Protein backbone atom coordinates (compact mmCIF):
# COMPACT_ATOMS: atom_id res chain seq x y z
CA MET A 1 69.91 -64.90 76.20
CA LYS A 2 71.98 -64.29 73.11
CA LEU A 3 69.15 -65.67 70.99
CA LEU A 4 66.63 -63.40 72.71
CA SER A 5 68.77 -60.31 72.22
CA ALA A 6 69.27 -61.19 68.56
CA LEU A 7 65.55 -61.45 68.03
CA GLN A 8 64.96 -58.08 69.72
CA GLN A 9 67.59 -56.41 67.53
CA GLN A 10 65.99 -57.94 64.40
CA GLY A 11 62.56 -56.66 65.51
CA ARG A 12 63.95 -53.19 66.03
CA ARG A 13 65.52 -53.21 62.58
CA SER A 14 62.23 -54.30 61.00
CA ASN A 15 60.38 -51.55 62.83
CA ASN A 16 62.92 -48.98 61.74
CA PHE A 17 62.60 -50.22 58.17
CA ARG A 18 58.79 -49.98 58.32
CA SER A 19 58.90 -46.48 59.76
CA ALA A 20 61.42 -45.44 57.13
CA SER A 21 59.31 -46.93 54.35
CA SER A 22 56.16 -45.27 55.67
CA GLN A 23 57.98 -41.94 55.86
CA LEU A 24 59.21 -42.45 52.31
CA ASP A 25 55.66 -43.28 51.09
CA SER A 26 54.22 -40.23 52.80
CA ALA A 27 56.95 -38.09 51.29
CA VAL A 28 56.19 -39.47 47.85
CA ASP A 29 52.39 -38.94 48.29
CA GLY A 30 52.98 -35.43 49.55
CA GLY A 31 55.11 -34.67 46.55
CA VAL A 32 52.50 -36.03 44.20
CA LYS A 33 49.74 -34.11 45.95
CA SER A 34 51.79 -30.96 45.99
CA GLN A 35 52.38 -31.28 42.26
CA ALA A 36 48.65 -31.82 41.56
CA THR A 37 47.84 -28.87 43.79
CA ILE A 38 50.35 -26.73 41.97
CA PHE A 39 48.90 -27.88 38.61
CA TRP A 40 45.34 -27.04 39.63
CA LEU A 41 46.47 -23.71 41.06
CA LEU A 42 48.27 -22.87 37.84
CA LEU A 43 45.28 -23.96 35.74
CA HIS A 44 42.90 -22.03 37.96
CA GLY A 45 45.14 -18.98 37.73
CA LEU A 46 45.29 -19.33 33.96
CA CYS A 47 41.51 -19.60 33.77
CA CYS A 48 41.16 -16.60 36.04
CA LEU A 49 43.46 -14.67 33.75
CA VAL A 50 41.43 -15.77 30.74
CA SER A 51 38.21 -14.84 32.53
CA LEU A 52 39.61 -11.40 33.26
CA VAL A 53 40.49 -10.91 29.61
CA LEU A 54 37.53 -12.51 27.86
CA GLY A 55 34.92 -12.67 30.59
CA PHE A 56 33.60 -15.22 33.01
CA ARG A 57 31.31 -16.86 30.44
CA PHE A 58 34.25 -17.94 28.29
CA SER A 59 36.02 -19.45 31.32
CA ARG A 60 32.87 -21.39 32.16
CA LEU A 61 32.66 -22.56 28.56
CA VAL A 62 36.29 -23.81 28.65
CA PHE A 63 35.66 -25.73 31.88
CA LEU A 64 32.52 -27.22 30.33
CA LEU A 65 34.41 -28.32 27.21
CA ILE A 66 37.45 -29.78 29.01
CA PHE A 67 36.02 -31.33 32.15
CA SER A 68 32.59 -32.47 30.95
CA THR A 69 32.12 -36.17 31.72
CA SER A 70 29.01 -36.63 29.55
CA SER A 71 29.27 -37.43 25.89
CA PRO A 72 28.50 -34.57 23.53
CA SER A 73 25.09 -34.58 21.89
CA THR A 74 23.10 -32.47 19.52
CA THR A 75 21.40 -30.67 22.40
CA SER A 76 24.63 -29.87 24.25
CA THR A 77 26.22 -28.70 21.01
CA ALA A 78 23.30 -26.39 20.39
CA ASN A 79 23.52 -25.10 23.98
CA LEU A 80 27.27 -24.52 23.65
CA TYR A 81 26.68 -22.75 20.34
CA SER A 82 24.09 -20.53 21.96
CA ALA A 83 26.38 -19.86 24.94
CA PHE A 84 29.28 -19.02 22.62
CA HIS A 85 27.15 -16.55 20.69
CA THR A 86 25.88 -15.13 23.94
CA SER A 87 29.44 -14.57 25.10
CA PHE A 88 30.27 -12.61 21.95
CA PRO A 89 27.38 -10.21 21.22
CA SER A 90 26.89 -8.99 17.69
CA THR A 91 24.40 -6.83 15.88
CA THR A 92 24.78 -8.33 12.44
CA THR A 93 22.28 -10.63 10.76
CA THR A 94 23.81 -13.64 9.01
CA PRO A 95 21.67 -16.01 6.96
CA SER A 96 22.43 -19.59 7.88
CA THR A 97 21.06 -23.11 7.99
CA GLU A 98 21.31 -24.63 11.46
CA ALA A 99 20.36 -27.94 13.02
CA VAL A 100 18.58 -27.32 16.32
CA ASN A 101 17.17 -30.38 18.11
CA GLY A 102 17.55 -32.38 14.95
CA ILE A 103 15.40 -29.99 12.89
CA ILE A 104 16.97 -28.08 10.03
CA ALA A 105 15.46 -24.59 9.80
CA GLU A 106 16.39 -21.89 7.34
CA GLY A 107 16.64 -18.44 8.82
CA SER A 108 18.99 -15.96 10.39
CA ARG A 109 20.29 -15.45 13.89
CA VAL A 110 20.35 -12.04 15.51
CA VAL A 111 22.13 -11.59 18.83
CA VAL A 112 20.66 -8.73 20.87
CA GLY A 113 22.64 -8.10 24.03
CA ARG A 114 23.07 -11.48 25.75
CA HIS A 115 20.21 -13.30 24.05
CA GLY A 116 20.37 -15.03 20.71
CA ILE A 117 17.18 -14.93 18.62
CA LEU A 118 16.53 -17.27 15.72
CA ILE A 119 14.53 -15.51 13.03
CA ARG A 120 12.54 -17.85 10.84
CA PRO A 121 11.42 -16.89 7.34
CA TRP A 122 7.89 -15.49 7.05
CA PRO A 123 5.50 -18.20 5.83
CA HIS A 124 4.04 -16.41 2.84
CA PRO A 125 0.86 -18.23 1.77
CA ASP A 126 0.26 -19.35 -1.73
CA PRO A 127 -2.21 -16.90 -3.38
CA GLU A 128 -3.88 -19.69 -5.33
CA GLU A 129 -4.43 -21.74 -2.18
CA VAL A 130 -5.84 -18.70 -0.34
CA LEU A 131 -8.24 -17.96 -3.19
CA LYS A 132 -9.33 -21.59 -3.28
CA ALA A 133 -9.98 -21.52 0.50
CA HIS A 134 -12.09 -18.36 0.18
CA ARG A 135 -14.15 -19.96 -2.57
CA ILE A 136 -14.76 -23.03 -0.43
CA ILE A 137 -15.83 -20.90 2.54
CA GLU A 138 -18.14 -18.84 0.33
CA ARG A 139 -19.72 -21.98 -1.09
CA VAL A 140 -20.25 -23.45 2.38
CA GLN A 141 -21.86 -20.24 3.64
CA ARG A 142 -24.14 -20.07 0.61
CA GLU A 143 -25.26 -23.65 1.13
CA GLN A 144 -25.89 -22.99 4.82
CA ARG A 145 -28.04 -19.95 4.00
CA ILE A 146 -30.02 -22.00 1.50
CA GLN A 147 -30.60 -24.82 3.96
CA TYR A 148 -30.98 -22.97 7.27
CA GLY A 149 -31.55 -19.34 6.31
CA VAL A 150 -34.51 -17.46 4.90
CA LYS A 151 -36.19 -19.50 2.21
CA SER A 152 -37.57 -16.58 0.19
CA PRO A 153 -35.49 -13.49 1.05
CA ARG A 154 -36.93 -10.09 0.23
CA THR A 155 -35.13 -6.99 -0.93
CA VAL A 156 -33.99 -4.60 1.79
CA ILE A 157 -34.86 -0.93 1.14
CA ALA A 158 -32.73 1.37 3.30
CA ILE A 159 -33.70 5.05 3.68
CA THR A 160 -31.02 7.49 4.84
CA PRO A 161 -31.49 11.26 5.29
CA THR A 162 -28.23 13.21 5.13
CA TYR A 163 -26.60 16.54 4.25
CA VAL A 164 -23.10 17.85 3.61
CA ARG A 165 -21.27 18.60 6.86
CA THR A 166 -17.98 17.97 8.62
CA PHE A 167 -18.70 14.42 9.80
CA GLN A 168 -20.76 13.30 6.79
CA THR A 169 -17.91 11.22 5.34
CA LEU A 170 -17.36 9.56 8.71
CA HIS A 171 -21.03 8.65 9.19
CA LEU A 172 -21.88 7.62 5.64
CA THR A 173 -18.77 5.47 5.27
CA GLY A 174 -19.72 3.39 8.31
CA VAL A 175 -23.31 2.94 7.15
CA MET A 176 -22.18 2.21 3.60
CA HIS A 177 -19.88 -0.61 4.68
CA SER A 178 -22.65 -2.13 6.82
CA LEU A 179 -25.04 -2.12 3.86
CA MET A 180 -22.39 -3.58 1.56
CA ASN A 181 -22.11 -6.62 3.85
CA VAL A 182 -25.84 -7.40 3.76
CA PRO A 183 -26.29 -10.85 2.14
CA TYR A 184 -29.55 -9.82 0.44
CA ASP A 185 -30.53 -7.61 -2.47
CA LEU A 186 -30.51 -4.02 -1.26
CA ILE A 187 -31.76 -0.67 -2.51
CA TRP A 188 -30.34 2.44 -0.85
CA ILE A 189 -32.47 5.60 -0.97
CA VAL A 190 -30.32 8.59 0.04
CA VAL A 191 -32.25 11.81 0.61
CA GLU A 192 -29.99 14.88 0.81
CA ALA A 193 -31.07 18.18 2.29
CA GLY A 194 -30.24 21.24 0.21
CA GLY A 195 -30.30 19.29 -3.05
CA ALA A 196 -28.19 16.47 -4.39
CA THR A 197 -24.47 17.32 -4.37
CA ASN A 198 -21.48 15.79 -6.13
CA GLU A 199 -19.75 15.17 -2.81
CA THR A 200 -22.46 12.85 -1.54
CA ALA A 201 -22.93 11.22 -4.95
CA THR A 202 -19.22 10.44 -5.21
CA LEU A 203 -19.17 8.95 -1.74
CA VAL A 204 -22.21 6.67 -2.02
CA SER A 205 -21.32 5.55 -5.55
CA LYS A 206 -18.29 3.68 -4.14
CA SER A 207 -20.62 1.16 -2.52
CA GLY A 208 -21.68 -0.44 -5.81
CA LEU A 209 -25.27 -0.72 -4.53
CA LYS A 210 -28.45 0.22 -6.32
CA ILE A 211 -28.97 3.81 -5.16
CA PHE A 212 -31.71 6.41 -5.43
CA HIS A 213 -30.03 9.74 -4.71
CA ILE A 214 -32.78 12.31 -4.12
CA GLY A 215 -32.37 15.98 -3.41
CA PHE A 216 -34.68 17.69 -0.91
CA ASN A 217 -35.24 21.39 -1.52
CA ALA A 218 -34.71 22.59 2.03
CA ASN A 219 -31.53 23.32 3.92
CA MET A 220 -30.84 21.50 7.14
CA PRO A 221 -31.61 23.83 10.09
CA ILE A 222 -29.16 24.37 12.89
CA LEU A 223 -31.64 23.75 15.74
CA TRP A 224 -31.96 20.12 16.74
CA GLU A 225 -35.75 20.30 17.07
CA ASP A 226 -36.12 21.69 13.55
CA ARG A 227 -33.58 19.21 12.25
CA HIS A 228 -35.60 16.25 13.55
CA LYS A 229 -38.73 17.60 11.86
CA LEU A 230 -36.98 18.08 8.52
CA GLU A 231 -35.55 14.56 8.67
CA VAL A 232 -39.09 13.22 9.10
CA LYS A 233 -40.16 15.04 5.93
CA MET A 234 -37.16 13.60 4.09
CA ARG A 235 -38.11 10.08 5.15
CA LEU A 236 -41.69 10.60 3.98
CA GLN A 237 -40.32 11.81 0.64
CA ALA A 238 -38.35 8.56 0.35
CA LEU A 239 -41.52 6.56 1.10
CA ARG A 240 -43.23 8.37 -1.75
CA VAL A 241 -40.42 7.19 -4.02
CA VAL A 242 -41.12 3.64 -2.86
CA LYS A 243 -44.78 4.15 -3.65
CA GLU A 244 -44.25 5.68 -7.09
CA ASN A 245 -41.71 3.08 -8.21
CA ARG A 246 -43.60 0.21 -6.55
CA LEU A 247 -40.44 -1.04 -4.88
CA ASP A 248 -41.05 -4.44 -3.34
CA GLY A 249 -39.18 -5.31 -0.17
CA ILE A 250 -38.65 -4.42 3.47
CA VAL A 251 -38.23 -0.75 4.32
CA MET A 252 -35.83 0.14 7.14
CA PHE A 253 -34.76 3.62 8.26
CA VAL A 254 -30.98 3.87 8.40
CA ASP A 255 -29.69 7.11 9.87
CA ASP A 256 -26.17 8.02 8.85
CA SER A 257 -25.00 7.77 12.47
CA ASN A 258 -26.55 4.37 13.30
CA MET A 259 -24.56 1.21 14.01
CA HIS A 260 -26.02 -2.12 12.94
CA SER A 261 -25.47 -5.75 13.71
CA MET A 262 -25.57 -8.11 10.73
CA GLU A 263 -28.09 -10.20 12.65
CA LEU A 264 -30.58 -7.37 12.27
CA PHE A 265 -30.82 -7.84 8.50
CA ASP A 266 -31.67 -11.50 9.00
CA GLU A 267 -34.24 -10.67 11.68
CA ILE A 268 -36.17 -8.15 9.57
CA GLN A 269 -36.89 -10.83 6.97
CA ASN A 270 -39.52 -12.17 9.38
CA VAL A 271 -41.66 -9.00 9.19
CA LYS A 272 -45.07 -9.42 7.65
CA TRP A 273 -46.28 -5.80 7.68
CA VAL A 274 -44.88 -3.62 10.48
CA GLY A 275 -42.13 -4.65 12.90
CA ALA A 276 -40.21 -3.00 15.73
CA VAL A 277 -36.76 -3.64 17.16
CA SER A 278 -35.01 -2.36 20.26
CA VAL A 279 -32.52 0.48 19.81
CA GLY A 280 -29.61 1.03 22.17
CA ILE A 281 -29.25 4.74 22.98
CA LEU A 282 -25.70 6.06 23.27
CA ALA A 283 -26.25 9.59 24.53
CA HIS A 284 -23.41 11.89 23.52
CA SER A 285 -22.18 14.84 25.53
CA GLY A 286 -20.50 17.68 23.73
CA GLY A 287 -19.90 19.73 26.86
CA SER A 288 -17.05 19.88 29.31
CA GLU A 289 -15.56 16.93 31.13
CA GLU A 290 -17.20 18.07 34.35
CA ASP A 291 -20.68 18.01 32.82
CA LEU A 292 -19.98 14.62 31.28
CA SER A 293 -18.82 13.16 34.61
CA VAL A 294 -21.96 14.51 36.34
CA ALA A 295 -24.19 13.01 33.65
CA GLN A 296 -22.43 9.65 33.90
CA THR A 297 -22.69 9.67 37.70
CA GLU A 298 -26.44 10.31 37.62
CA LYS A 299 -26.85 7.66 34.97
CA ASN A 300 -24.96 5.07 37.01
CA GLU A 301 -26.96 5.86 40.13
CA LYS A 302 -30.41 5.75 38.57
CA ASN A 303 -30.00 3.41 35.60
CA PRO A 304 -26.73 1.51 35.43
CA GLN A 305 -27.66 -0.20 32.15
CA MET A 306 -27.66 1.25 28.66
CA PRO A 307 -30.96 3.00 27.82
CA VAL A 308 -33.03 1.09 25.27
CA GLN A 309 -35.95 2.14 23.09
CA GLY A 310 -38.20 -0.59 21.87
CA PRO A 311 -41.37 -2.60 22.25
CA SER A 312 -42.60 -3.90 25.59
CA CYS A 313 -44.33 -7.27 25.37
CA ASN A 314 -46.59 -9.34 27.56
CA SER A 315 -46.42 -13.05 28.22
CA SER A 316 -48.10 -13.72 24.86
CA ASN A 317 -45.36 -11.80 22.98
CA HIS A 318 -47.73 -9.01 21.97
CA VAL A 319 -46.80 -5.34 22.13
CA VAL A 320 -48.43 -3.65 25.12
CA GLY A 321 -46.22 -0.57 25.40
CA TRP A 322 -42.91 1.06 24.57
CA HIS A 323 -39.63 1.58 26.35
CA THR A 324 -38.50 5.19 25.90
CA PHE A 325 -35.47 7.25 26.86
CA ASP A 326 -35.89 9.30 30.03
CA VAL A 327 -34.92 12.87 29.04
CA LEU A 328 -35.87 14.58 32.32
CA PRO A 329 -32.44 14.23 34.00
CA HIS A 330 -30.79 15.83 30.95
CA VAL A 331 -33.22 18.63 30.08
CA GLU A 332 -31.03 21.37 31.53
CA ARG A 333 -27.91 20.11 29.72
CA ARG A 334 -29.50 19.15 26.42
CA ALA A 335 -28.12 20.55 23.16
CA ARG A 336 -30.33 23.20 21.56
CA TYR A 337 -28.53 23.57 18.25
CA VAL A 338 -25.99 21.60 16.22
CA GLY A 339 -22.60 22.24 17.78
CA ASP A 340 -23.99 23.17 21.18
CA ARG A 341 -21.98 22.14 24.25
CA GLY A 342 -24.62 19.78 25.57
CA ILE A 343 -26.05 16.29 25.41
CA VAL A 344 -27.74 15.35 22.15
CA LEU A 345 -30.95 13.56 23.10
CA PRO A 346 -32.98 11.18 20.94
CA ARG A 347 -36.62 11.46 20.05
CA LYS A 348 -39.29 9.68 22.04
CA LEU A 349 -39.25 6.86 19.48
CA GLU A 350 -36.61 6.74 16.77
CA TRP A 351 -37.57 5.90 13.21
CA SER A 352 -34.67 3.49 12.92
CA GLY A 353 -36.43 1.11 15.32
CA PHE A 354 -39.29 0.34 12.87
CA ILE A 355 -39.45 -1.99 9.88
CA LEU A 356 -42.17 -1.67 7.24
CA ASN A 357 -43.40 -3.74 4.33
CA SER A 358 -43.13 -1.62 1.19
CA ARG A 359 -46.52 -2.85 -0.04
CA LEU A 360 -48.18 -0.82 2.71
CA PHE A 361 -47.65 2.26 0.54
CA TRP A 362 -48.81 0.86 -2.77
CA LYS A 363 -52.16 2.05 -4.05
CA GLU A 364 -53.21 -1.44 -4.93
CA ALA A 365 -51.68 -4.33 -3.04
CA LYS A 366 -52.95 -7.80 -2.29
CA ASP A 367 -54.05 -8.36 1.32
CA LYS A 368 -53.13 -4.80 2.29
CA PRO A 369 -54.29 -4.21 5.89
CA GLN A 370 -56.99 -1.63 6.56
CA TRP A 371 -55.30 -0.27 9.69
CA VAL A 372 -52.70 1.62 7.66
CA LYS A 373 -53.23 5.29 6.75
CA ASP A 374 -52.80 6.68 3.28
CA LEU A 375 -49.32 8.13 2.85
CA ASP A 376 -50.63 11.26 1.11
CA GLU A 377 -52.82 12.09 4.10
CA VAL A 378 -50.01 11.86 6.67
CA GLY A 379 -48.79 15.29 7.71
CA ARG A 380 -51.10 17.14 5.31
CA ASP A 381 -52.62 19.37 8.00
CA GLY A 382 -49.26 20.30 9.44
CA ASP A 383 -49.36 17.67 12.15
CA ASP A 384 -45.98 16.48 13.37
CA VAL A 385 -45.15 12.91 12.52
CA GLU A 386 -43.23 11.68 15.53
CA SER A 387 -42.62 8.10 14.43
CA PRO A 388 -43.92 5.48 12.00
CA LEU A 389 -46.70 4.78 14.50
CA SER A 390 -48.36 7.89 13.03
CA LEU A 391 -48.82 5.88 9.83
CA LEU A 392 -50.93 3.28 11.65
CA LYS A 393 -54.46 3.37 12.98
CA ASP A 394 -53.79 0.61 15.50
CA ALA A 395 -50.31 0.48 17.03
CA SER A 396 -51.01 -2.76 18.89
CA LEU A 397 -50.59 -4.74 15.66
CA VAL A 398 -46.86 -4.02 15.46
CA GLU A 399 -44.76 -7.19 15.34
CA PRO A 400 -41.97 -7.26 17.94
CA LEU A 401 -38.62 -8.53 16.65
CA GLY A 402 -35.43 -9.67 18.34
CA SER A 403 -36.96 -12.03 20.92
CA CYS A 404 -39.73 -9.54 21.60
CA GLY A 405 -37.34 -6.62 22.01
CA VAL A 406 -34.85 -8.41 24.27
CA LYS A 407 -32.00 -8.40 21.72
CA VAL A 408 -30.41 -5.08 20.85
CA MET A 409 -29.14 -5.20 17.27
CA LEU A 410 -29.13 -1.47 16.52
CA TRP A 411 -27.48 1.49 18.25
CA TRP A 412 -28.26 5.19 18.02
CA LEU A 413 -25.52 7.79 18.33
CA ARG A 414 -25.50 11.48 17.39
CA VAL A 415 -21.98 12.85 17.05
CA GLU A 416 -21.50 16.16 15.27
CA ALA A 417 -18.70 18.71 15.13
CA ARG A 418 -19.03 21.51 17.68
CA ALA A 419 -18.88 25.15 16.71
CA ASP A 420 -15.64 25.61 18.70
CA SER A 421 -13.93 22.50 17.29
CA LYS A 422 -10.34 23.10 16.26
CA PHE A 423 -9.38 21.30 13.07
CA PRO A 424 -5.84 20.91 11.71
CA ALA A 425 -4.45 23.70 9.62
CA ARG A 426 -4.18 21.29 6.67
CA PHE A 427 -7.98 21.14 6.47
CA VAL A 428 -8.24 24.92 5.99
CA PHE A 429 -5.28 24.91 3.61
CA CYS A 430 -6.88 22.33 1.35
CA LYS A 431 -10.11 24.29 1.31
CA LEU A 432 -8.24 27.43 0.26
CA ILE A 433 -6.47 25.55 -2.52
CA SER A 434 -9.74 24.16 -3.85
CA GLU A 435 -11.37 27.58 -3.85
CA THR A 436 -8.49 29.56 -5.35
CA LEU A 437 -6.67 27.24 -7.75
CA PHE A 438 -8.89 24.40 -8.80
CA SER A 439 -12.28 26.05 -8.32
CA GLY A 440 -13.84 22.64 -7.94
CA PRO A 441 -14.77 20.03 -5.35
CA TYR A 442 -11.61 19.08 -3.46
CA PHE A 443 -11.89 17.82 0.11
CA CYS A 444 -9.29 16.73 2.64
CA LEU A 445 -11.56 14.53 4.76
């Protein structure tokens, strides 16, 4: 019994010791945990204080720097650098040399708001290398034209009737630049109504082309009908110049308001005697917006496509008729005189849609066709010459160009200043200065 009681007392003591030791361990762990909790609370409070002073981005950056488990790399360094600059915006530009993703780039960094922008230096090309590249391209193009282009190119003879007006500089500049880009020899015959003027001569001389500047002793009328008739006489006068000087080449009629595709000048090299191309008609309205909207609505309802003048061919690619512009829907709103608030309508067939061989007008030419009229007999009895078809006895022999009139490589547009147009005061001021002080040609356009 004594032995049993002694064993029970020893077991109780061991249990008390275990409970005491467990209580001591828990007390120690609680103290350690409470200290860690206090440390994290103090650190969190410090970071919150820092975030209040410097902003949340800086606090996040500090946490990323201190508690990041991954090893720093070039990418993380660049990201931290970008984040640091984002946290402190600046508007200054500082030239620097930085390593981003292992690539050293010279430039400057500009921080706009929260986003950093790396500005790289502009890659200025070497002028000598650029010039060498242009020479190589020019040589390649020349060799391609020799191998695949026209074998025996003929001279292009462009005839342009014009006169001094408000939009003359606008129209002639566009036509002049088109002719300057023609890759063939070109002769430009400019016929000016009212006589040759210094203004037109100065303008066309900038092209550097071979030019015949001819004055026509008649002023340009204000009525559109009379203007069309006078332009026909001016074109016939230019054809007489071709005849007298025996100019050899391809004659094309270039109005000062036409727009050309460079493909057209390659296509006309295929003409043997008389050719025809399709002309896209861009009818212009000088009236009110209401009239223009009505005209566009009727056009979209009846003919949604762009009107085209040109040859109509059969299955054998021979001309059997002509596509013309339908003027009936616009008769009531058509412009009667230059500057009228109406739609400027084209002629039944525009001269710019025909291409002629200059040898048709020579007195003596080899293999000259018999179905061509003498130029001196055309219009002698006062008959109106509507189109170059009046120069032919048989219009069915015209050669269709541009895939038999399918391709449109030429556009017709008549845009002139209206009588009620309001120009800037500087235009009038310059005119007054030229008339009062300099007493010479001085223009603001």
